[in-house]
Amino acid sequence: MGAAPAAAQAPAPALPILEAGVFGGGALLPDYPAAGQSHARGVVLPWLIYRGELFRSDDRGLRGRLWRSRDLGSTLNANGAVGSRSRDNRAREGLPDLDWLGEIGPSLRWVAWRSAPGTTRLTLETPVRAVFSTDFSSVKYRGYVFAPELALERSGLGLPRSRARIGLGPVFASGGLMDYWYRVEERYSRPGRPAYDAAGGYLGLRLQFSYRVPLTERISGLGRRADRER
């Protein structure tokens, strides 16, 4: 009499197309890249996860899929940064405030390696994004950034259905964006702060880490860290 066939492995539960909630967090952040001073900042924002075929929003940010294959794809993604008041920073006293920044542009994503079970993968992303500043009354183009990133992604790390991601890569900025942060016009010069015109090039190294885990069927937690140094 033959042995009974092994029970088929239960398929992974399907994830919903849309999840929505509220995200809150705080951190001690530099006033601008390589700033000598930092300030505590907090934010409460709506949190949206959308798993559509052409558009997605998750812990990797906002992005639209232009085309894809199994290991290679092209997306349109977005990023941003909070502004800062110059009166709160000794190096920028008397200079114009730094407005909120938004970034948008195409990115090529390549899955360079994946584990046999499919729980771990190594990816390379090469985004080029145009940068805009806004004081919520007008929008100005400031330049562009090129920020290639090598990332290791792991699902099921520590807890079921969790997702961990760590990414590292250099950031390069155009001269216009460098000027937005570092230029000192002659009229703003003072002893110890001469006039200065920044050049485009290497801005710094960016390290990003996120860990997302469902707390209940309706609630999930997300921890995230991002560092940029010049």
C-alpha atoms as a PDB file:
ATOM      1  CA  MET A   1       0.000   0.000   0.000  1.00  0.00           C
ATOM      2  CA  GLY A   2       1.556   3.299  -1.038  1.00  0.00           C
ATOM      3  CA  ALA A   3       2.253   6.112   1.402  1.00  0.00           C
ATOM      4  CA  ALA A   4      -0.245   8.967   1.499  1.00  0.00           C
ATOM      5  CA  PRO A   5       0.914  12.035  -0.478  1.00  0.00           C
ATOM      6  CA  ALA A   6       2.283  14.907   1.589  1.00  0.00           C
ATOM      7  CA  ALA A   7      -0.161  17.699   2.252  1.00  0.00           C
ATOM      8  CA  ALA A   8       0.195  20.504  -0.211  1.00  0.00           C
ATOM      9  CA  GLN A   9       1.746  23.632   1.207  1.00  0.00           C
ATOM     10  CA  ALA A  10      -0.847  26.321   1.853  1.00  0.00           C
ATOM     11  CA  PRO A  11      -0.470  29.278  -0.496  1.00  0.00           C
ATOM     12  CA  ALA A  12       0.591  32.606   0.970  1.00  0.00           C
ATOM     13  CA  PRO A  13      -2.376  34.864   1.737  1.00  0.00           C
ATOM     14  CA  ALA A  14      -3.081  37.434  -0.936  1.00  0.00           C
ATOM     15  CA  LEU A  15      -2.217  40.988   0.052  1.00  0.00           C
ATOM     16  CA  PRO A  16      -4.838  43.710  -0.405  1.00  0.00           C
ATOM     17  CA  ILE A  17      -4.427  46.184  -3.255  1.00  0.00           C
ATOM     18  CA  LEU A  18      -4.976  49.174  -0.957  1.00  0.00           C
ATOM     19  CA  GLU A  19      -4.013  49.818   2.662  1.00  0.00           C
ATOM     20  CA  ALA A  20      -4.409  53.223   4.303  1.00  0.00           C
ATOM     21  CA  GLY A  21      -3.614  54.676   7.692  1.00  0.00           C
ATOM     22  CA  VAL A  22      -1.723  57.372   9.580  1.00  0.00           C
ATOM     23  CA  PHE A  23       2.052  57.520   9.978  1.00  0.00           C
ATOM     24  CA  GLY A  24       3.743  59.491  12.729  1.00  0.00           C
ATOM     25  CA  GLY A  25       7.399  59.804  13.578  1.00  0.00           C
ATOM     26  CA  GLY A  26      10.232  62.019  14.665  1.00  0.00           C
ATOM     27  CA  ALA A  27      13.999  62.272  14.322  1.00  0.00           C
ATOM     28  CA  LEU A  28      16.981  64.528  14.904  1.00  0.00           C
ATOM     29  CA  LEU A  29      17.817  65.689  11.370  1.00  0.00           C
ATOM     30  CA  PRO A  30      20.486  68.055   9.964  1.00  0.00           C
ATOM     31  CA  ASP A  31      19.078  71.367   8.706  1.00  0.00           C
ATOM     32  CA  TYR A  32      20.477  70.565   5.248  1.00  0.00           C
ATOM     33  CA  PRO A  33      23.048  68.045   3.910  1.00  0.00           C
ATOM     34  CA  ALA A  34      26.293  68.266   5.942  1.00  0.00           C
ATOM     35  CA  ALA A  35      24.859  70.985   8.215  1.00  0.00           C
ATOM     36  CA  GLY A  36      26.682  71.532  11.492  1.00  0.00           C
ATOM     37  CA  GLN A  37      23.387  71.858  13.355  1.00  0.00           C
ATOM     38  CA  SER A  38      20.419  69.539  13.632  1.00  0.00           C
ATOM     39  CA  HIS A  39      16.899  69.961  14.953  1.00  0.00           C
ATOM     40  CA  ALA A  40      14.245  67.557  16.149  1.00  0.00           C
ATOM     41  CA  ARG A  41      11.455  67.227  13.613  1.00  0.00           C
ATOM     42  CA  GLY A  42       8.154  65.426  13.854  1.00  0.00           C
ATOM     43  CA  VAL A  43       5.531  64.699  11.255  1.00  0.00           C
ATOM     44  CA  VAL A  44       2.123  63.084  11.047  1.00  0.00           C
ATOM     45  CA  LEU A  45       1.042  62.086   7.551  1.00  0.00           C
ATOM     46  CA  PRO A  46      -1.438  59.789   5.868  1.00  0.00           C
ATOM     47  CA  TRP A  47       0.179  56.450   5.018  1.00  0.00           C
ATOM     48  CA  LEU A  48      -0.897  54.756   1.813  1.00  0.00           C
ATOM     49  CA  ILE A  49       0.119  51.369   0.453  1.00  0.00           C
ATOM     50  CA  TYR A  50      -1.159  50.682  -3.049  1.00  0.00           C
ATOM     51  CA  ARG A  51      -0.172  47.542  -4.962  1.00  0.00           C
ATOM     52  CA  GLY A  52      -1.377  48.353  -8.453  1.00  0.00           C
ATOM     53  CA  GLU A  53       0.063  47.081 -11.703  1.00  0.00           C
ATOM     54  CA  LEU A  54       1.165  50.522 -12.953  1.00  0.00           C
ATOM     55  CA  PHE A  55       1.373  52.580  -9.755  1.00  0.00           C
ATOM     56  CA  ARG A  56       2.677  51.602  -6.330  1.00  0.00           C
ATOM     57  CA  SER A  57       3.170  53.264  -2.959  1.00  0.00           C
ATOM     58  CA  ASP A  58       4.962  51.545  -0.060  1.00  0.00           C
ATOM     59  CA  ASP A  59       8.044  51.839   2.177  1.00  0.00           C
ATOM     60  CA  ARG A  60      10.151  52.444  -0.970  1.00  0.00           C
ATOM     61  CA  GLY A  61       8.135  55.602  -1.718  1.00  0.00           C
ATOM     62  CA  LEU A  62       5.853  56.603  -4.583  1.00  0.00           C
ATOM     63  CA  ARG A  63       6.567  55.107  -7.979  1.00  0.00           C
ATOM     64  CA  GLY A  64       4.881  54.296 -11.257  1.00  0.00           C
ATOM     65  CA  ARG A  65       5.882  51.262 -13.299  1.00  0.00           C
ATOM     66  CA  LEU A  66       6.825  52.145 -16.867  1.00  0.00           C
ATOM     67  CA  TRP A  67       7.824  48.609 -17.887  1.00  0.00           C
ATOM     68  CA  ARG A  68       9.241  45.497 -16.237  1.00  0.00           C
ATOM     69  CA  SER A  69      10.506  41.975 -16.731  1.00  0.00           C
ATOM     70  CA  ARG A  70      11.317  39.406 -14.045  1.00  0.00           C
ATOM     71  CA  ASP A  71      14.571  41.049 -12.933  1.00  0.00           C
ATOM     72  CA  LEU A  72      14.605  44.414 -14.698  1.00  0.00           C
ATOM     73  CA  GLY A  73      12.157  47.275 -14.612  1.00  0.00           C
ATOM     74  CA  SER A  74      11.775  51.006 -15.140  1.00  0.00           C
ATOM     75  CA  THR A  75       9.796  53.177 -12.744  1.00  0.00           C
ATOM     76  CA  LEU A  76       8.918  56.809 -12.123  1.00  0.00           C
ATOM     77  CA  ASN A  77       9.544  57.569  -8.459  1.00  0.00           C
ATOM     78  CA  ALA A  78       9.382  60.487  -6.039  1.00  0.00           C
ATOM     79  CA  ASN A  79      11.179  61.680  -2.916  1.00  0.00           C
ATOM     80  CA  GLY A  80      11.254  64.791  -0.745  1.00  0.00           C
ATOM     81  CA  ALA A  81      12.789  66.664   2.191  1.00  0.00           C
ATOM     82  CA  VAL A  82      11.552  69.094   4.823  1.00  0.00           C
ATOM     83  CA  GLY A  83      12.694  72.728   4.873  1.00  0.00           C
ATOM     84  CA  SER A  84      14.460  74.705   7.589  1.00  0.00           C
ATOM     85  CA  ARG A  85      14.519  78.278   8.894  1.00  0.00           C
ATOM     86  CA  SER A  86      17.825  80.084   8.497  1.00  0.00           C
ATOM     87  CA  ARG A  87      17.416  81.987  11.768  1.00  0.00           C
ATOM     88  CA  ASP A  88      17.692  78.652  13.588  1.00  0.00           C
ATOM     89  CA  ASN A  89      21.069  77.831  12.020  1.00  0.00           C
ATOM     90  CA  ARG A  90      24.199  79.835  12.868  1.00  0.00           C
ATOM     91  CA  ALA A  91      25.909  79.135   9.518  1.00  0.00           C
ATOM     92  CA  ARG A  92      22.866  80.400   7.568  1.00  0.00           C
ATOM     93  CA  GLU A  93      21.894  83.447   9.638  1.00  0.00           C
ATOM     94  CA  GLY A  94      20.646  86.167   7.284  1.00  0.00           C
ATOM     95  CA  LEU A  95      20.319  83.802   4.307  1.00  0.00           C
ATOM     96  CA  PRO A  96      16.949  82.882   2.781  1.00  0.00           C
ATOM     97  CA  ASP A  97      15.067  79.995   4.388  1.00  0.00           C
ATOM     98  CA  LEU A  98      15.296  76.563   2.806  1.00  0.00           C
ATOM     99  CA  ASP A  99      11.900  75.454   1.513  1.00  0.00           C
ATOM    100  CA  TRP A 100      10.453  71.969   1.335  1.00  0.00           C
ATOM    101  CA  LEU A 101      11.853  69.920  -1.544  1.00  0.00           C
ATOM    102  CA  GLY A 102      10.195  67.450  -3.869  1.00  0.00           C
ATOM    103  CA  GLU A 103      11.934  65.104  -6.302  1.00  0.00           C
ATOM    104  CA  ILE A 104      10.561  63.150  -9.250  1.00  0.00           C
ATOM    105  CA  GLY A 105      12.164  61.219 -12.096  1.00  0.00           C
ATOM    106  CA  PRO A 106      12.810  57.844 -13.750  1.00  0.00           C
ATOM    107  CA  SER A 107      14.706  54.946 -12.233  1.00  0.00           C
ATOM    108  CA  LEU A 108      16.044  51.655 -13.584  1.00  0.00           C
ATOM    109  CA  ARG A 109      15.759  48.750 -11.099  1.00  0.00           C
ATOM    110  CA  TRP A 110      17.642  45.470 -11.483  1.00  0.00           C
ATOM    111  CA  VAL A 111      17.268  42.431  -9.237  1.00  0.00           C
ATOM    112  CA  ALA A 112      20.881  41.264  -9.231  1.00  0.00           C
ATOM    113  CA  TRP A 113      20.341  38.199  -7.013  1.00  0.00           C
ATOM    114  CA  ARG A 114      17.541  36.383  -5.254  1.00  0.00           C
ATOM    115  CA  SER A 115      17.555  33.431  -2.862  1.00  0.00           C
ATOM    116  CA  ALA A 116      16.011  30.105  -3.880  1.00  0.00           C
ATOM    117  CA  PRO A 117      13.037  30.477  -1.487  1.00  0.00           C
ATOM    118  CA  GLY A 118      12.520  34.007  -2.793  1.00  0.00           C
ATOM    119  CA  THR A 119      12.680  35.617   0.658  1.00  0.00           C
ATOM    120  CA  THR A 120      15.878  37.614   0.047  1.00  0.00           C
ATOM    121  CA  ARG A 121      17.022  39.681  -2.918  1.00  0.00           C
ATOM    122  CA  LEU A 122      19.741  42.141  -3.824  1.00  0.00           C
ATOM    123  CA  THR A 123      18.668  45.067  -6.011  1.00  0.00           C
ATOM    124  CA  LEU A 124      20.343  47.979  -7.765  1.00  0.00           C
ATOM    125  CA  GLU A 125      18.381  51.171  -8.457  1.00  0.00           C
ATOM    126  CA  THR A 126      19.627  54.150 -10.505  1.00  0.00           C
ATOM    127  CA  PRO A 127      17.191  57.061 -10.065  1.00  0.00           C
ATOM    128  CA  VAL A 128      17.674  60.448 -11.702  1.00  0.00           C
ATOM    129  CA  ARG A 129      15.247  62.949 -10.202  1.00  0.00           C
ATOM    130  CA  ALA A 130      14.460  66.605 -10.880  1.00  0.00           C
ATOM    131  CA  VAL A 131      14.278  68.654  -7.669  1.00  0.00           C
ATOM    132  CA  PHE A 132      11.763  71.405  -6.929  1.00  0.00           C
ATOM    133  CA  SER A 133      11.368  73.667  -3.905  1.00  0.00           C
ATOM    134  CA  THR A 134       8.132  75.142  -2.627  1.00  0.00           C
ATOM    135  CA  ASP A 135       6.987  77.565   0.051  1.00  0.00           C
ATOM    136  CA  PHE A 136       3.417  76.418  -0.727  1.00  0.00           C
ATOM    137  CA  SER A 137       2.762  79.605  -2.702  1.00  0.00           C
ATOM    138  CA  SER A 138       5.068  78.866  -5.661  1.00  0.00           C
ATOM    139  CA  VAL A 139       7.294  76.089  -7.040  1.00  0.00           C
ATOM    140  CA  LYS A 140      10.858  76.521  -8.356  1.00  0.00           C
ATOM    141  CA  TYR A 141      13.121  74.106 -10.198  1.00  0.00           C
ATOM    142  CA  ARG A 142      16.444  73.658  -8.343  1.00  0.00           C
ATOM    143  CA  GLY A 143      18.380  71.036 -10.332  1.00  0.00           C
ATOM    144  CA  TYR A 144      18.638  67.269 -10.233  1.00  0.00           C
ATOM    145  CA  VAL A 145      20.105  64.389  -8.243  1.00  0.00           C
ATOM    146  CA  PHE A 146      21.538  61.035  -9.298  1.00  0.00           C
ATOM    147  CA  ALA A 147      21.340  58.555  -6.420  1.00  0.00           C
ATOM    148  CA  PRO A 148      22.251  54.940  -7.301  1.00  0.00           C
ATOM    149  CA  GLU A 149      21.504  52.538  -4.460  1.00  0.00           C
ATOM    150  CA  LEU A 150      22.365  48.911  -3.722  1.00  0.00           C
ATOM    151  CA  ALA A 151      19.759  47.388  -1.403  1.00  0.00           C
ATOM    152  CA  LEU A 152      19.233  44.109   0.397  1.00  0.00           C
ATOM    153  CA  GLU A 153      15.571  43.181   0.948  1.00  0.00           C
ATOM    154  CA  ARG A 154      14.340  40.368   3.186  1.00  0.00           C
ATOM    155  CA  SER A 155      10.815  39.187   3.926  1.00  0.00           C
ATOM    156  CA  GLY A 156       9.898  37.199   7.021  1.00  0.00           C
ATOM    157  CA  LEU A 157      12.874  38.472   9.053  1.00  0.00           C
ATOM    158  CA  GLY A 158      12.145  37.902  12.723  1.00  0.00           C
ATOM    159  CA  LEU A 159       8.365  37.929  12.316  1.00  0.00           C
ATOM    160  CA  PRO A 160       6.028  36.446   9.701  1.00  0.00           C
ATOM    161  CA  ARG A 161       5.000  38.820   6.884  1.00  0.00           C
ATOM    162  CA  SER A 162       7.630  41.360   7.951  1.00  0.00           C
ATOM    163  CA  ARG A 163       9.722  43.177   5.343  1.00  0.00           C
ATOM    164  CA  ALA A 164      13.193  44.570   6.006  1.00  0.00           C
ATOM    165  CA  ARG A 165      15.235  46.669   3.618  1.00  0.00           C
ATOM    166  CA  ILE A 166      18.655  48.311   3.880  1.00  0.00           C
ATOM    167  CA  GLY A 167      20.104  50.432   1.076  1.00  0.00           C
ATOM    168  CA  LEU A 168      23.410  52.230   0.575  1.00  0.00           C
ATOM    169  CA  GLY A 169      24.659  54.474  -2.215  1.00  0.00           C
ATOM    170  CA  PRO A 170      26.272  57.796  -3.181  1.00  0.00           C
ATOM    171  CA  VAL A 171      24.306  60.923  -4.061  1.00  0.00           C
ATOM    172  CA  PHE A 172      25.390  63.347  -6.797  1.00  0.00           C
ATOM    173  CA  ALA A 173      23.755  66.752  -7.269  1.00  0.00           C
ATOM    174  CA  SER A 174      23.787  69.369 -10.031  1.00  0.00           C
ATOM    175  CA  GLY A 175      25.380  72.782  -9.536  1.00  0.00           C
ATOM    176  CA  GLY A 176      21.980  74.464  -9.233  1.00  0.00           C
ATOM    177  CA  LEU A 177      20.949  72.256  -6.329  1.00  0.00           C
ATOM    178  CA  MET A 178      24.344  72.646  -4.642  1.00  0.00           C
ATOM    179  CA  ASP A 179      23.935  76.417  -4.941  1.00  0.00           C
ATOM    180  CA  TYR A 180      20.507  76.212  -3.320  1.00  0.00           C
ATOM    181  CA  TRP A 181      22.068  74.723  -0.197  1.00  0.00           C
ATOM    182  CA  TYR A 182      25.556  76.249  -0.095  1.00  0.00           C
ATOM    183  CA  ARG A 183      25.790  79.384  -2.253  1.00  0.00           C
ATOM    184  CA  VAL A 184      26.520  82.655  -0.442  1.00  0.00           C
ATOM    185  CA  GLU A 185      25.859  85.756  -2.522  1.00  0.00           C
ATOM    186  CA  GLU A 186      28.089  88.794  -1.999  1.00  0.00           C
ATOM    187  CA  ARG A 187      25.311  90.668  -0.206  1.00  0.00           C
ATOM    188  CA  TYR A 188      25.032  87.883   2.381  1.00  0.00           C
ATOM    189  CA  SER A 189      28.771  87.561   3.038  1.00  0.00           C
ATOM    190  CA  ARG A 190      30.158  88.431   6.467  1.00  0.00           C
ATOM    191  CA  PRO A 191      33.353  87.816   8.457  1.00  0.00           C
ATOM    192  CA  GLY A 192      33.840  84.070   8.599  1.00  0.00           C
ATOM    193  CA  ARG A 193      31.348  83.511   5.753  1.00  0.00           C
ATOM    194  CA  PRO A 194      32.766  84.735   2.431  1.00  0.00           C
ATOM    195  CA  ALA A 195      30.852  84.716  -0.843  1.00  0.00           C
ATOM    196  CA  TYR A 196      30.742  81.212  -2.264  1.00  0.00           C
ATOM    197  CA  ASP A 197      29.512  79.575  -5.468  1.00  0.00           C
ATOM    198  CA  ALA A 198      29.045  75.803  -5.191  1.00  0.00           C
ATOM    199  CA  ALA A 199      29.809  73.332  -7.973  1.00  0.00           C
ATOM    200  CA  GLY A 200      27.918  70.200  -8.908  1.00  0.00           C
ATOM    201  CA  GLY A 201      29.244  66.776  -8.028  1.00  0.00           C
ATOM    202  CA  TYR A 202      29.396  64.368  -5.095  1.00  0.00           C
ATOM    203  CA  LEU A 203      26.990  65.299  -2.307  1.00  0.00           C
ATOM    204  CA  GLY A 204      27.335  62.436   0.127  1.00  0.00           C
ATOM    205  CA  LEU A 205      26.530  58.871   1.071  1.00  0.00           C
ATOM    206  CA  ARG A 206      22.968  57.812   1.845  1.00  0.00           C
ATOM    207  CA  LEU A 207      22.072  54.922   4.139  1.00  0.00           C
ATOM    208  CA  GLN A 208      18.425  53.926   4.452  1.00  0.00           C
ATOM    209  CA  PHE A 209      16.835  51.237   6.581  1.00  0.00           C
ATOM    210  CA  SER A 210      13.197  50.238   6.976  1.00  0.00           C
ATOM    211  CA  TYR A 211      11.398  47.432   8.780  1.00  0.00           C
ATOM    212  CA  ARG A 212       7.687  46.888   8.348  1.00  0.00           C
ATOM    213  CA  VAL A 213       5.666  44.315  10.256  1.00  0.00           C
ATOM    214  CA  PRO A 214       1.908  43.733  10.613  1.00  0.00           C
ATOM    215  CA  LEU A 215       0.777  44.201  14.205  1.00  0.00           C
ATOM    216  CA  THR A 216      -2.751  42.981  13.538  1.00  0.00           C
ATOM    217  CA  GLU A 217      -4.751  42.249  10.387  1.00  0.00           C
ATOM    218  CA  ARG A 218      -5.463  45.980  10.114  1.00  0.00           C
ATOM    219  CA  ILE A 219      -2.436  47.647  11.735  1.00  0.00           C
ATOM    220  CA  SER A 220       1.240  47.482  10.811  1.00  0.00           C
ATOM    221  CA  GLY A 221       4.317  49.195  12.210  1.00  0.00           C
ATOM    222  CA  LEU A 222       7.133  50.798  10.214  1.00  0.00           C
ATOM    223  CA  GLY A 223      10.548  51.826  11.465  1.00  0.00           C
ATOM    224  CA  ARG A 224      12.737  53.847   9.134  1.00  0.00           C
ATOM    225  CA  ARG A 225      16.109  55.586   9.207  1.00  0.00           C
ATOM    226  CA  ALA A 226      17.836  57.681   6.540  1.00  0.00           C
ATOM    227  CA  ASP A 227      21.253  59.361   6.722  1.00  0.00           C
ATOM    228  CA  ARG A 228      23.070  61.595   4.277  1.00  0.00           C
ATOM    229  CA  GLU A 229      26.566  62.950   4.811  1.00  0.00           C
ATOM    230  CA  ARG A 230      28.656  65.194   2.623  1.00  0.00           C
END
